[in-house]
Amino acid sequence: MCRHLAYLGPPRSLAELITGPPYGLYRQSWAPRRQRHGTVNADGFGIGWYPGPRPGPTAPDGPPPAPARYRRSVPIWADINLPDLARAVHSSAVLAAVRSATPGTSQDEAAAAPYAAGRWLFSHNGAVDRWPGLPADTDWPLTPATLLSLEARCDSALLWAMTLGLLRDGTPPGDALAAVVRATAAVRPDARLNLLLTDGRTIAATRCGDTLWWRTGTGPSGDAVLVASEPDSDTPEGWQEVPEGSLLLAGPSGTQVQPLTARTASAATRRREDVRP
């Protein structure tokens, strides 16, 4: 299992989000309070953030900066560089995770979330048994080239490839995550599939097998939303728990939670039909 978070709002330092809170992601690496499987998350960590606009007169008309990532295969508490990085980097959109590796998966930093492509950042909190056989068992249309180019040999990288294929086909992020969860759970009923996805403007997340919480805040510098595996404070005041079997969507229009309903499976079905001869 793992712990992860995503934040959207006024710029905040990585320290404020990750290392500073008394029960934040940093502490959750060795002392999670609500984690249902496993006891520590010491198999690596990763942070993804979206830099501010580039300086210069052409910045407003150019594409927004792609997210940056910092990933390590060591426990987050063992990285002596992180405190300086965390206090110096500020961002209005962040996705971060601490990892507890699924048995039989690779242990290098490439296996640490967040995974990235273009504007997207992705994380998986959970585990999938017999994951190498998942594409065949779900009839999911992943080409040999896609499978050979997986960033890491692990269940999370495979789930990311499945999700990314739908996103590139134009499937909305919430529907893409829900389709991957439903297809995987249909053939791996014991799989734990808390997925987290952001493009720097919106957040989509699923709760399937472990805990997930969210909270919003309004201050002088604007509104914010934080989605996390568990509350980062002494009490859950202000936090709302996402029910099991739910999809959370957060963005400029607000935050909503809805069941992982059957209609969201249609995206995967359409894609399989599109690639059949």
C-alpha atoms as a PDB file:
ATOM      1  CA  MET A   1       0.000   0.000   0.000  1.00  0.00           C
ATOM      2  CA  CYS A   2       0.917   3.670  -0.099  1.00  0.00           C
ATOM      3  CA  ARG A   3      -0.262   7.083   1.022  1.00  0.00           C
ATOM      4  CA  HIS A   4      -0.784   9.979  -1.350  1.00  0.00           C
ATOM      5  CA  LEU A   5      -2.209  13.492  -1.679  1.00  0.00           C
ATOM      6  CA  ALA A   6      -3.164  16.081  -4.290  1.00  0.00           C
ATOM      7  CA  TYR A   7      -3.580  19.821  -3.767  1.00  0.00           C
ATOM      8  CA  LEU A   8      -5.077  22.641  -5.840  1.00  0.00           C
ATOM      9  CA  GLY A   9      -5.203  26.241  -4.687  1.00  0.00           C
ATOM     10  CA  PRO A  10      -3.091  29.304  -3.957  1.00  0.00           C
ATOM     11  CA  PRO A  11       0.658  28.627  -4.102  1.00  0.00           C
ATOM     12  CA  ARG A  12       1.976  26.811  -1.045  1.00  0.00           C
ATOM     13  CA  SER A  13       5.364  25.392  -0.236  1.00  0.00           C
ATOM     14  CA  LEU A  14       5.917  21.650  -0.432  1.00  0.00           C
ATOM     15  CA  ALA A  15       6.835  21.840   3.247  1.00  0.00           C
ATOM     16  CA  GLU A  16       3.382  23.192   4.126  1.00  0.00           C
ATOM     17  CA  LEU A  17       1.752  20.275   2.339  1.00  0.00           C
ATOM     18  CA  ILE A  18       4.100  17.346   2.952  1.00  0.00           C
ATOM     19  CA  THR A  19       6.675  17.731   5.717  1.00  0.00           C
ATOM     20  CA  GLY A  20       5.092  20.348   7.970  1.00  0.00           C
ATOM     21  CA  PRO A  21       1.662  18.989   9.012  1.00  0.00           C
ATOM     22  CA  PRO A  22       1.836  16.957  12.256  1.00  0.00           C
ATOM     23  CA  TYR A  23       0.263  13.908  10.618  1.00  0.00           C
ATOM     24  CA  GLY A  24       1.059  14.714   7.024  1.00  0.00           C
ATOM     25  CA  LEU A  25       2.492  12.577   4.279  1.00  0.00           C
ATOM     26  CA  TYR A  26       5.989  12.718   5.778  1.00  0.00           C
ATOM     27  CA  ARG A  27       4.839  11.163   9.057  1.00  0.00           C
ATOM     28  CA  GLN A  28       2.535   8.751   7.225  1.00  0.00           C
ATOM     29  CA  SER A  29       5.631   7.136   5.752  1.00  0.00           C
ATOM     30  CA  TRP A  30       6.404   5.505   9.121  1.00  0.00           C
ATOM     31  CA  ALA A  31       3.262   6.049  11.231  1.00  0.00           C
ATOM     32  CA  PRO A  32       0.064   6.085   9.142  1.00  0.00           C
ATOM     33  CA  ARG A  33      -3.023   6.215  11.342  1.00  0.00           C
ATOM     34  CA  ARG A  34      -5.702   4.904   8.993  1.00  0.00           C
ATOM     35  CA  GLN A  35      -3.852   2.669   6.548  1.00  0.00           C
ATOM     36  CA  ARG A  36      -5.644  -0.653   6.203  1.00  0.00           C
ATOM     37  CA  HIS A  37      -2.840  -2.758   4.726  1.00  0.00           C
ATOM     38  CA  GLY A  38       0.829  -2.605   5.704  1.00  0.00           C
ATOM     39  CA  THR A  39       2.488  -0.628   8.472  1.00  0.00           C
ATOM     40  CA  VAL A  40       5.163   1.558   6.843  1.00  0.00           C
ATOM     41  CA  ASN A  41       5.686   3.220   3.468  1.00  0.00           C
ATOM     42  CA  ALA A  42       9.462   3.087   3.151  1.00  0.00           C
ATOM     43  CA  ASP A  43       9.987   1.880  -0.435  1.00  0.00           C
ATOM     44  CA  GLY A  44      10.425   5.310  -1.943  1.00  0.00           C
ATOM     45  CA  PHE A  45       8.505   8.530  -2.465  1.00  0.00           C
ATOM     46  CA  GLY A  46       7.753  11.078  -5.120  1.00  0.00           C
ATOM     47  CA  ILE A  47       6.558  14.653  -5.473  1.00  0.00           C
ATOM     48  CA  GLY A  48       5.123  16.258  -8.586  1.00  0.00           C
ATOM     49  CA  TRP A  49       4.349  19.957  -8.864  1.00  0.00           C
ATOM     50  CA  TYR A  50       3.391  22.503 -11.506  1.00  0.00           C
ATOM     51  CA  PRO A  51       5.798  25.450 -11.795  1.00  0.00           C
ATOM     52  CA  GLY A  52       4.468  28.971 -12.079  1.00  0.00           C
ATOM     53  CA  PRO A  53       4.267  30.751 -15.450  1.00  0.00           C
ATOM     54  CA  ARG A  54       7.571  31.289 -17.199  1.00  0.00           C
ATOM     55  CA  PRO A  55       8.884  34.864 -17.001  1.00  0.00           C
ATOM     56  CA  GLY A  56       8.815  36.996 -20.103  1.00  0.00           C
ATOM     57  CA  PRO A  57       6.270  38.685 -22.362  1.00  0.00           C
ATOM     58  CA  THR A  58       5.342  35.482 -24.212  1.00  0.00           C
ATOM     59  CA  ALA A  59       4.465  33.476 -21.107  1.00  0.00           C
ATOM     60  CA  PRO A  60       0.691  34.238 -21.050  1.00  0.00           C
ATOM     61  CA  ASP A  61       0.263  33.074 -24.657  1.00  0.00           C
ATOM     62  CA  GLY A  62       2.442  29.960 -24.398  1.00  0.00           C
ATOM     63  CA  PRO A  63       1.538  26.538 -23.069  1.00  0.00           C
ATOM     64  CA  PRO A  64       1.555  26.126 -19.288  1.00  0.00           C
ATOM     65  CA  PRO A  65       4.694  24.511 -17.881  1.00  0.00           C
ATOM     66  CA  ALA A  66       4.669  20.741 -17.632  1.00  0.00           C
ATOM     67  CA  PRO A  67       4.890  19.338 -14.100  1.00  0.00           C
ATOM     68  CA  ALA A  68       8.235  18.679 -12.476  1.00  0.00           C
ATOM     69  CA  ARG A  69       8.964  15.536 -10.463  1.00  0.00           C
ATOM     70  CA  TYR A  70      11.348  14.550  -7.687  1.00  0.00           C
ATOM     71  CA  ARG A  71      11.421  10.819  -6.927  1.00  0.00           C
ATOM     72  CA  ARG A  72      13.625   8.623  -4.792  1.00  0.00           C
ATOM     73  CA  SER A  73      13.791   4.916  -3.932  1.00  0.00           C
ATOM     74  CA  VAL A  74      14.766   5.644  -0.309  1.00  0.00           C
ATOM     75  CA  PRO A  75      12.352   6.359   2.564  1.00  0.00           C
ATOM     76  CA  ILE A  76      11.252   9.967   2.548  1.00  0.00           C
ATOM     77  CA  TRP A  77      12.809  10.554   5.973  1.00  0.00           C
ATOM     78  CA  ALA A  78      16.214   9.393   4.665  1.00  0.00           C
ATOM     79  CA  ASP A  79      16.505  12.077   1.975  1.00  0.00           C
ATOM     80  CA  ILE A  80      18.694  14.852   3.387  1.00  0.00           C
ATOM     81  CA  ASN A  81      17.936  17.095   0.396  1.00  0.00           C
ATOM     82  CA  LEU A  82      14.177  17.142   0.886  1.00  0.00           C
ATOM     83  CA  PRO A  83      13.914  19.792   3.658  1.00  0.00           C
ATOM     84  CA  ASP A  84      15.624  22.450   1.522  1.00  0.00           C
ATOM     85  CA  LEU A  85      13.649  21.477  -1.569  1.00  0.00           C
ATOM     86  CA  ALA A  86      10.361  21.464   0.338  1.00  0.00           C
ATOM     87  CA  ARG A  87      10.789  24.935   1.816  1.00  0.00           C
ATOM     88  CA  ALA A  88      12.013  26.480  -1.439  1.00  0.00           C
ATOM     89  CA  VAL A  89       9.468  25.108  -3.941  1.00  0.00           C
ATOM     90  CA  HIS A  90       5.990  26.637  -4.056  1.00  0.00           C
ATOM     91  CA  SER A  91       3.164  25.531  -6.315  1.00  0.00           C
ATOM     92  CA  SER A  92      -0.577  25.871  -6.769  1.00  0.00           C
ATOM     93  CA  ALA A  93      -0.915  22.204  -7.785  1.00  0.00           C
ATOM     94  CA  VAL A  94       0.899  19.251  -6.206  1.00  0.00           C
ATOM     95  CA  LEU A  95       0.639  15.453  -6.217  1.00  0.00           C
ATOM     96  CA  ALA A  96       2.850  13.441  -3.844  1.00  0.00           C
ATOM     97  CA  ALA A  97       3.082   9.867  -2.563  1.00  0.00           C
ATOM     98  CA  VAL A  98       5.043   7.589  -0.235  1.00  0.00           C
ATOM     99  CA  ARG A  99       5.360   3.982  -1.376  1.00  0.00           C
ATOM    100  CA  SER A 100       4.923   0.536   0.105  1.00  0.00           C
ATOM    101  CA  ALA A 101       5.851  -1.777  -2.751  1.00  0.00           C
ATOM    102  CA  THR A 102       3.683  -4.661  -3.906  1.00  0.00           C
ATOM    103  CA  PRO A 103       5.640  -7.939  -3.643  1.00  0.00           C
ATOM    104  CA  GLY A 104       7.317  -8.854  -6.920  1.00  0.00           C
ATOM    105  CA  THR A 105       7.532  -5.305  -8.261  1.00  0.00           C
ATOM    106  CA  SER A 106      10.631  -3.270  -9.037  1.00  0.00           C
ATOM    107  CA  GLN A 107      12.269  -1.293  -6.252  1.00  0.00           C
ATOM    108  CA  ASP A 108      13.910   1.576  -8.141  1.00  0.00           C
ATOM    109  CA  GLU A 109      12.756   5.185  -8.138  1.00  0.00           C
ATOM    110  CA  ALA A 110      11.020   4.763 -11.505  1.00  0.00           C
ATOM    111  CA  ALA A 111       8.366   2.774  -9.633  1.00  0.00           C
ATOM    112  CA  ALA A 112       7.637   5.665  -7.255  1.00  0.00           C
ATOM    113  CA  ALA A 113       4.620   7.832  -8.005  1.00  0.00           C
ATOM    114  CA  PRO A 114       3.777  10.209  -9.445  1.00  0.00           C
ATOM    115  CA  TYR A 115       3.835   8.874 -12.985  1.00  0.00           C
ATOM    116  CA  ALA A 116       3.642  11.556 -15.634  1.00  0.00           C
ATOM    117  CA  ALA A 117       2.717  12.224 -19.258  1.00  0.00           C
ATOM    118  CA  GLY A 118       2.190  15.700 -20.653  1.00  0.00           C
ATOM    119  CA  ARG A 119       0.124  17.642 -18.130  1.00  0.00           C
ATOM    120  CA  TRP A 120      -0.931  14.544 -16.173  1.00  0.00           C
ATOM    121  CA  LEU A 121       0.322  13.229 -12.829  1.00  0.00           C
ATOM    122  CA  PHE A 122      -0.926   9.871 -11.497  1.00  0.00           C
ATOM    123  CA  SER A 123      -0.613   7.802  -8.320  1.00  0.00           C
ATOM    124  CA  HIS A 124      -1.896   4.412  -7.142  1.00  0.00           C
ATOM    125  CA  ASN A 125      -2.494   3.533  -3.494  1.00  0.00           C
ATOM    126  CA  GLY A 126      -3.153  -0.204  -3.413  1.00  0.00           C
ATOM    127  CA  ALA A 127      -2.097  -3.526  -4.869  1.00  0.00           C
ATOM    128  CA  VAL A 128      -3.136  -5.824  -7.719  1.00  0.00           C
ATOM    129  CA  ASP A 129      -2.450  -9.553  -7.434  1.00  0.00           C
ATOM    130  CA  ARG A 130      -1.129 -11.281 -10.564  1.00  0.00           C
ATOM    131  CA  TRP A 131      -0.899  -7.901 -12.261  1.00  0.00           C
ATOM    132  CA  PRO A 132       1.182  -9.002 -15.298  1.00  0.00           C
ATOM    133  CA  GLY A 133      -1.841 -10.922 -16.585  1.00  0.00           C
ATOM    134  CA  LEU A 134      -4.231  -8.017 -16.171  1.00  0.00           C
ATOM    135  CA  PRO A 135      -4.276  -6.777 -19.803  1.00  0.00           C
ATOM    136  CA  ALA A 136      -5.126 -10.233 -21.132  1.00  0.00           C
ATOM    137  CA  ASP A 137      -7.678 -10.991 -18.427  1.00  0.00           C
ATOM    138  CA  THR A 138      -9.499  -7.687 -18.973  1.00  0.00           C
ATOM    139  CA  ASP A 139      -9.110  -7.736 -22.769  1.00  0.00           C
ATOM    140  CA  TRP A 140      -7.625  -4.250 -22.405  1.00  0.00           C
ATOM    141  CA  PRO A 141      -6.105  -2.935 -25.661  1.00  0.00           C
ATOM    142  CA  LEU A 142      -2.483  -2.338 -24.645  1.00  0.00           C
ATOM    143  CA  THR A 143      -0.043  -2.885 -27.496  1.00  0.00           C
ATOM    144  CA  PRO A 144       3.249  -4.764 -27.033  1.00  0.00           C
ATOM    145  CA  ALA A 145       5.057  -1.464 -27.551  1.00  0.00           C
ATOM    146  CA  THR A 146       3.095   0.096 -24.688  1.00  0.00           C
ATOM    147  CA  LEU A 147       3.816  -2.816 -22.361  1.00  0.00           C
ATOM    148  CA  LEU A 148       7.515  -2.780 -23.214  1.00  0.00           C
ATOM    149  CA  SER A 149       7.696   0.941 -22.525  1.00  0.00           C
ATOM    150  CA  LEU A 150       6.216   0.817 -19.013  1.00  0.00           C
ATOM    151  CA  GLU A 151       8.233   3.108 -16.782  1.00  0.00           C
ATOM    152  CA  ALA A 152       8.594   0.420 -14.109  1.00  0.00           C
ATOM    153  CA  ARG A 153       7.765  -3.231 -13.570  1.00  0.00           C
ATOM    154  CA  CYS A 154       4.881  -2.829 -11.180  1.00  0.00           C
ATOM    155  CA  ASP A 155       1.112  -2.836 -10.917  1.00  0.00           C
ATOM    156  CA  SER A 156       0.924   0.961 -10.591  1.00  0.00           C
ATOM    157  CA  ALA A 157       2.768   1.547 -13.878  1.00  0.00           C
ATOM    158  CA  LEU A 158       0.388  -0.831 -15.640  1.00  0.00           C
ATOM    159  CA  LEU A 159      -2.693   0.883 -14.223  1.00  0.00           C
ATOM    160  CA  TRP A 160      -1.233   4.192 -15.376  1.00  0.00           C
ATOM    161  CA  ALA A 161      -0.779   2.857 -18.921  1.00  0.00           C
ATOM    162  CA  MET A 162      -4.414   1.719 -18.939  1.00  0.00           C
ATOM    163  CA  THR A 163      -5.579   5.108 -17.689  1.00  0.00           C
ATOM    164  CA  LEU A 164      -3.384   7.095 -20.054  1.00  0.00           C
ATOM    165  CA  GLY A 165      -4.735   5.258 -23.086  1.00  0.00           C
ATOM    166  CA  LEU A 166      -8.252   6.385 -22.204  1.00  0.00           C
ATOM    167  CA  LEU A 167      -7.161   9.962 -21.517  1.00  0.00           C
ATOM    168  CA  ARG A 168      -5.460  10.147 -24.911  1.00  0.00           C
ATOM    169  CA  ASP A 169      -8.684   8.935 -26.507  1.00  0.00           C
ATOM    170  CA  GLY A 170     -10.515  11.871 -24.946  1.00  0.00           C
ATOM    171  CA  THR A 171     -12.166  10.103 -22.027  1.00  0.00           C
ATOM    172  CA  PRO A 172     -12.807  12.499 -19.112  1.00  0.00           C
ATOM    173  CA  PRO A 173     -10.439  11.867 -16.199  1.00  0.00           C
ATOM    174  CA  GLY A 174     -13.105  10.664 -13.785  1.00  0.00           C
ATOM    175  CA  ASP A 175     -14.554   8.237 -16.295  1.00  0.00           C
ATOM    176  CA  ALA A 176     -11.071   6.995 -17.168  1.00  0.00           C
ATOM    177  CA  LEU A 177     -10.218   6.162 -13.551  1.00  0.00           C
ATOM    178  CA  ALA A 178     -13.599   4.579 -12.937  1.00  0.00           C
ATOM    179  CA  ALA A 179     -13.310   2.415 -16.046  1.00  0.00           C
ATOM    180  CA  VAL A 180      -9.875   1.140 -14.996  1.00  0.00           C
ATOM    181  CA  VAL A 181     -11.099   0.378 -11.472  1.00  0.00           C
ATOM    182  CA  ARG A 182     -14.184  -1.482 -12.648  1.00  0.00           C
ATOM    183  CA  ALA A 183     -12.361  -3.513 -15.300  1.00  0.00           C
ATOM    184  CA  THR A 184      -9.602  -4.464 -12.855  1.00  0.00           C
ATOM    185  CA  ALA A 185     -11.937  -5.297  -9.984  1.00  0.00           C
ATOM    186  CA  ALA A 186     -14.004  -7.529 -12.263  1.00  0.00           C
ATOM    187  CA  VAL A 187     -11.065  -9.931 -12.711  1.00  0.00           C
ATOM    188  CA  ARG A 188      -9.128  -9.149  -9.497  1.00  0.00           C
ATOM    189  CA  PRO A 189     -11.861  -8.751  -6.862  1.00  0.00           C
ATOM    190  CA  ASP A 190      -9.299  -8.434  -4.060  1.00  0.00           C
ATOM    191  CA  ALA A 191      -7.430  -5.595  -5.785  1.00  0.00           C
ATOM    192  CA  ARG A 192      -7.057  -2.315  -3.919  1.00  0.00           C
ATOM    193  CA  LEU A 193      -7.448   0.554  -6.339  1.00  0.00           C
ATOM    194  CA  ASN A 194      -7.251   4.013  -4.851  1.00  0.00           C
ATOM    195  CA  LEU A 195      -6.189   6.048  -7.897  1.00  0.00           C
ATOM    196  CA  LEU A 196      -5.288   9.747  -7.967  1.00  0.00           C
ATOM    197  CA  LEU A 197      -4.975  11.927 -11.080  1.00  0.00           C
ATOM    198  CA  THR A 198      -4.438  15.625 -11.753  1.00  0.00           C
ATOM    199  CA  ASP A 199      -3.643  17.897 -14.683  1.00  0.00           C
ATOM    200  CA  GLY A 200      -2.855  20.858 -12.425  1.00  0.00           C
ATOM    201  CA  ARG A 201      -6.384  22.241 -12.772  1.00  0.00           C
ATOM    202  CA  THR A 202      -8.591  19.365 -11.638  1.00  0.00           C
ATOM    203  CA  ILE A 203      -8.313  16.292  -9.409  1.00  0.00           C
ATOM    204  CA  ALA A 204      -9.945  12.903  -9.923  1.00  0.00           C
ATOM    205  CA  ALA A 205      -9.627  10.143  -7.334  1.00  0.00           C
ATOM    206  CA  THR A 206     -11.158   6.774  -6.532  1.00  0.00           C
ATOM    207  CA  ARG A 207     -11.658   5.032  -3.229  1.00  0.00           C
ATOM    208  CA  CYS A 208     -11.558   1.275  -3.648  1.00  0.00           C
ATOM    209  CA  GLY A 209      -9.882  -0.713  -0.880  1.00  0.00           C
ATOM    210  CA  ASP A 210      -8.351   1.924   1.395  1.00  0.00           C
ATOM    211  CA  THR A 211      -9.147   5.297   2.934  1.00  0.00           C
ATOM    212  CA  LEU A 212      -9.577   8.627   1.151  1.00  0.00           C
ATOM    213  CA  TRP A 213     -10.439  12.056   2.568  1.00  0.00           C
ATOM    214  CA  TRP A 214     -10.818  15.598   1.279  1.00  0.00           C
ATOM    215  CA  ARG A 215     -11.231  19.115   2.573  1.00  0.00           C
ATOM    216  CA  THR A 216     -11.666  22.599   1.144  1.00  0.00           C
ATOM    217  CA  GLY A 217     -10.513  25.929   2.503  1.00  0.00           C
ATOM    218  CA  THR A 218     -11.122  29.569   1.724  1.00  0.00           C
ATOM    219  CA  GLY A 219      -8.721  32.328   2.703  1.00  0.00           C
ATOM    220  CA  PRO A 220      -7.581  35.787   1.620  1.00  0.00           C
ATOM    221  CA  SER A 221      -5.599  34.283  -1.268  1.00  0.00           C
ATOM    222  CA  GLY A 222      -8.378  32.088  -2.654  1.00  0.00           C
ATOM    223  CA  ASP A 223     -10.010  28.679  -2.463  1.00  0.00           C
ATOM    224  CA  ALA A 224      -8.151  25.386  -2.111  1.00  0.00           C
ATOM    225  CA  VAL A 225      -8.869  21.667  -2.066  1.00  0.00           C
ATOM    226  CA  LEU A 226      -6.722  18.899  -0.582  1.00  0.00           C
ATOM    227  CA  VAL A 227      -7.363  15.215  -1.286  1.00  0.00           C
ATOM    228  CA  ALA A 228      -5.404  12.743   0.814  1.00  0.00           C
ATOM    229  CA  SER A 229      -5.319   9.157   2.009  1.00  0.00           C
ATOM    230  CA  GLU A 230      -5.915  10.398   5.547  1.00  0.00           C
ATOM    231  CA  PRO A 231      -6.225  13.695   7.464  1.00  0.00           C
ATOM    232  CA  ASP A 232      -2.960  15.458   8.217  1.00  0.00           C
ATOM    233  CA  SER A 233      -4.090  17.059  11.483  1.00  0.00           C
ATOM    234  CA  ASP A 234      -4.713  15.953  15.059  1.00  0.00           C
ATOM    235  CA  THR A 235      -8.450  15.770  14.473  1.00  0.00           C
ATOM    236  CA  PRO A 236     -10.451  15.216  11.274  1.00  0.00           C
ATOM    237  CA  GLU A 237     -12.263  18.534  11.746  1.00  0.00           C
ATOM    238  CA  GLY A 238     -12.940  20.069   8.361  1.00  0.00           C
ATOM    239  CA  TRP A 239     -12.164  16.806   6.587  1.00  0.00           C
ATOM    240  CA  GLN A 240     -14.766  14.693   4.816  1.00  0.00           C
ATOM    241  CA  GLU A 241     -14.330  10.977   4.226  1.00  0.00           C
ATOM    242  CA  VAL A 242     -14.983   9.604   0.746  1.00  0.00           C
ATOM    243  CA  PRO A 243     -17.205   6.501   0.922  1.00  0.00           C
ATOM    244  CA  GLU A 244     -15.856   3.174  -0.274  1.00  0.00           C
ATOM    245  CA  GLY A 245     -16.616   2.550  -3.946  1.00  0.00           C
ATOM    246  CA  SER A 246     -16.691   6.230  -4.872  1.00  0.00           C
ATOM    247  CA  LEU A 247     -15.225   8.651  -7.380  1.00  0.00           C
ATOM    248  CA  LEU A 248     -14.182  12.140  -6.271  1.00  0.00           C
ATOM    249  CA  LEU A 249     -13.922  15.053  -8.714  1.00  0.00           C
ATOM    250  CA  ALA A 250     -12.519  18.436  -7.696  1.00  0.00           C
ATOM    251  CA  GLY A 251     -11.858  21.578  -9.700  1.00  0.00           C
ATOM    252  CA  PRO A 252     -12.882  25.183 -10.267  1.00  0.00           C
ATOM    253  CA  SER A 253     -16.578  24.279 -10.174  1.00  0.00           C
ATOM    254  CA  GLY A 254     -16.313  22.628  -6.761  1.00  0.00           C
ATOM    255  CA  THR A 255     -15.964  19.119  -5.379  1.00  0.00           C
ATOM    256  CA  GLN A 256     -18.336  16.225  -5.883  1.00  0.00           C
ATOM    257  CA  VAL A 257     -18.394  12.585  -4.824  1.00  0.00           C
ATOM    258  CA  GLN A 258     -20.343   9.971  -6.756  1.00  0.00           C
ATOM    259  CA  PRO A 259     -20.571   6.181  -6.851  1.00  0.00           C
ATOM    260  CA  LEU A 260     -18.403   4.194  -9.269  1.00  0.00           C
ATOM    261  CA  THR A 261     -21.459   3.417 -11.375  1.00  0.00           C
ATOM    262  CA  ALA A 262     -21.861   1.041 -14.310  1.00  0.00           C
ATOM    263  CA  ARG A 263     -22.055   3.881 -16.845  1.00  0.00           C
ATOM    264  CA  THR A 264     -18.392   4.715 -16.253  1.00  0.00           C
ATOM    265  CA  ALA A 265     -17.363   1.319 -17.591  1.00  0.00           C
ATOM    266  CA  SER A 266     -18.495   2.307 -21.085  1.00  0.00           C
ATOM    267  CA  ALA A 267     -15.251   4.158 -21.835  1.00  0.00           C
ATOM    268  CA  ALA A 268     -13.199   0.983 -21.625  1.00  0.00           C
ATOM    269  CA  THR A 269     -15.791  -0.955 -23.622  1.00  0.00           C
ATOM    270  CA  ARG A 270     -15.755   1.613 -26.423  1.00  0.00           C
ATOM    271  CA  ARG A 271     -11.982   1.594 -26.596  1.00  0.00           C
ATOM    272  CA  ARG A 272     -11.817  -2.201 -26.862  1.00  0.00           C
ATOM    273  CA  GLU A 273     -14.358  -2.085 -29.694  1.00  0.00           C
ATOM    274  CA  ASP A 274     -12.406   0.648 -31.489  1.00  0.00           C
ATOM    275  CA  VAL A 275      -9.233  -1.450 -31.750  1.00  0.00           C
ATOM    276  CA  ARG A 276     -10.848  -4.696 -32.844  1.00  0.00           C
ATOM    277  CA  PRO A 277     -10.483  -5.566 -36.528  1.00  0.00           C
END
